[in-house]
Amino acid sequence: MVTMEISVHPVGTGSASLSDYVADVIQVAKQRGVKYEITGMSTNLEGDLDTLFDIAREMHKASFKRGAPRVFTLLKIDDRRDKELTLEYKRRTAVSKVGDA
């Protein structure tokens, strides 16, 4: 299991509001059926590496489909091979060390 953080940034949309673009990106994860979490600045995904790369590609393209002339996408991948790694495990571990956030 791999966790990925993705942040898709459409550029040159002509508006300061990007919520429709964000909704398109999140819809990709929803349609693909992977576990995801929306944060204030990005989306976290959980799944196998190949699937997450495919989803990241689709998310990146979603903003072009809506009409953005330029898109840059940031990815962070946590691929731990010595134990099962999930978004819930990572959150639970952090909370146990600092208290409930």
Protein backbone atom coordinates (compact mmCIF):
# COMPACT_ATOMS: atom_id res chain seq x y z
CA MET A 1 0.00 0.00 0.00
CA VAL A 2 1.28 3.44 -0.98
CA THR A 3 0.11 6.87 0.13
CA MET A 4 0.28 9.85 -2.20
CA GLU A 5 -0.34 13.54 -1.73
CA ILE A 6 -1.36 15.38 -4.90
CA SER A 7 -1.94 19.05 -5.50
CA VAL A 8 -3.08 20.11 -8.98
CA HIS A 9 -2.71 23.78 -9.89
CA PRO A 10 -4.45 25.12 -13.01
CA VAL A 11 -2.88 28.35 -14.25
CA GLY A 12 -4.33 31.03 -16.49
CA THR A 13 -7.97 30.27 -15.77
CA GLY A 14 -8.98 33.92 -15.65
CA SER A 15 -10.43 33.58 -12.15
CA ALA A 16 -9.13 33.46 -8.60
CA SER A 17 -11.70 30.74 -7.80
CA LEU A 18 -10.54 27.20 -8.50
CA SER A 19 -13.23 25.17 -6.72
CA ASP A 20 -14.67 23.76 -9.97
CA TYR A 21 -11.20 22.55 -10.98
CA VAL A 22 -10.67 21.05 -7.52
CA ALA A 23 -14.02 19.25 -7.76
CA ASP A 24 -13.00 17.77 -11.14
CA VAL A 25 -9.73 16.49 -9.68
CA ILE A 26 -11.41 14.91 -6.66
CA GLN A 27 -14.07 13.35 -8.86
CA VAL A 28 -11.32 11.35 -10.58
CA ALA A 29 -10.33 9.70 -7.28
CA LYS A 30 -13.97 9.13 -6.38
CA GLN A 31 -14.72 7.46 -9.72
CA ARG A 32 -11.64 5.23 -9.46
CA GLY A 33 -12.75 3.98 -6.06
CA VAL A 34 -9.55 4.57 -4.12
CA LYS A 35 -9.48 5.83 -0.57
CA TYR A 36 -8.91 9.59 -0.56
CA GLU A 37 -8.97 12.50 1.85
CA ILE A 38 -9.45 16.13 0.95
CA THR A 39 -7.34 18.67 2.82
CA GLY A 40 -7.28 22.43 2.58
CA MET A 41 -4.29 22.37 0.22
CA SER A 42 -4.20 18.94 -1.45
CA THR A 43 -5.73 15.49 -1.70
CA ASN A 44 -4.29 12.35 -0.10
CA LEU A 45 -4.74 8.99 -1.79
CA GLU A 46 -4.12 5.40 -0.75
CA GLY A 47 -3.60 2.42 -3.06
CA ASP A 48 -1.07 0.53 -5.11
CA LEU A 49 1.66 2.56 -6.81
CA ASP A 50 0.69 1.90 -10.44
CA THR A 51 -2.94 2.76 -9.82
CA LEU A 52 -2.04 5.97 -8.00
CA PHE A 53 0.25 7.06 -10.84
CA ASP A 54 -2.60 6.46 -13.31
CA ILE A 55 -4.98 8.44 -11.13
CA ALA A 56 -2.45 11.27 -10.76
CA ARG A 57 -2.20 11.46 -14.55
CA GLU A 58 -6.00 11.63 -14.87
CA MET A 59 -6.20 14.29 -12.15
CA HIS A 60 -3.58 16.37 -13.93
CA LYS A 61 -5.48 16.14 -17.22
CA ALA A 62 -8.81 17.05 -15.59
CA SER A 63 -7.90 20.75 -15.41
CA PHE A 64 -6.97 20.81 -19.10
CA LYS A 65 -10.36 19.26 -19.90
CA ARG A 66 -12.02 22.14 -18.06
CA GLY A 67 -10.00 24.62 -20.15
CA ALA A 68 -6.92 25.58 -18.14
CA PRO A 69 -4.10 26.52 -20.53
CA ARG A 70 -1.42 25.41 -18.08
CA VAL A 71 -1.34 22.96 -15.17
CA PHE A 72 1.38 22.07 -12.72
CA THR A 73 1.00 19.17 -10.35
CA LEU A 74 2.90 18.35 -7.19
CA LEU A 75 3.18 14.75 -5.94
CA LYS A 76 4.54 13.26 -2.76
CA ILE A 77 4.69 9.48 -2.53
CA ASP A 78 5.30 7.44 0.60
CA ASP A 79 6.11 3.86 -0.43
CA ARG A 80 7.08 1.89 2.65
CA ARG A 81 7.91 -1.77 2.04
CA ASP A 82 8.61 -3.06 5.56
CA LYS A 83 5.01 -2.69 6.83
CA GLU A 84 1.52 -1.82 5.70
CA LEU A 85 1.15 1.94 5.37
CA THR A 86 -2.27 3.59 5.29
CA LEU A 87 -3.52 7.13 5.72
CA GLU A 88 -5.30 6.09 8.91
CA TYR A 89 -2.15 4.49 10.36
CA LYS A 90 -0.10 7.62 9.66
CA ARG A 91 -2.73 9.88 11.22
CA ARG A 92 -3.19 7.63 14.26
CA THR A 93 0.58 7.46 14.83
CA ALA A 94 0.96 11.24 14.66
CA VAL A 95 -2.01 11.87 16.97
CA SER A 96 -0.67 9.37 19.51
CA LYS A 97 2.54 11.40 19.74
CA VAL A 98 1.06 14.93 19.86
CA GLY A 99 -2.52 14.45 21.02
CA ASP A 100 -5.79 14.91 19.18
CA ALA A 101 -5.68 17.74 16.66
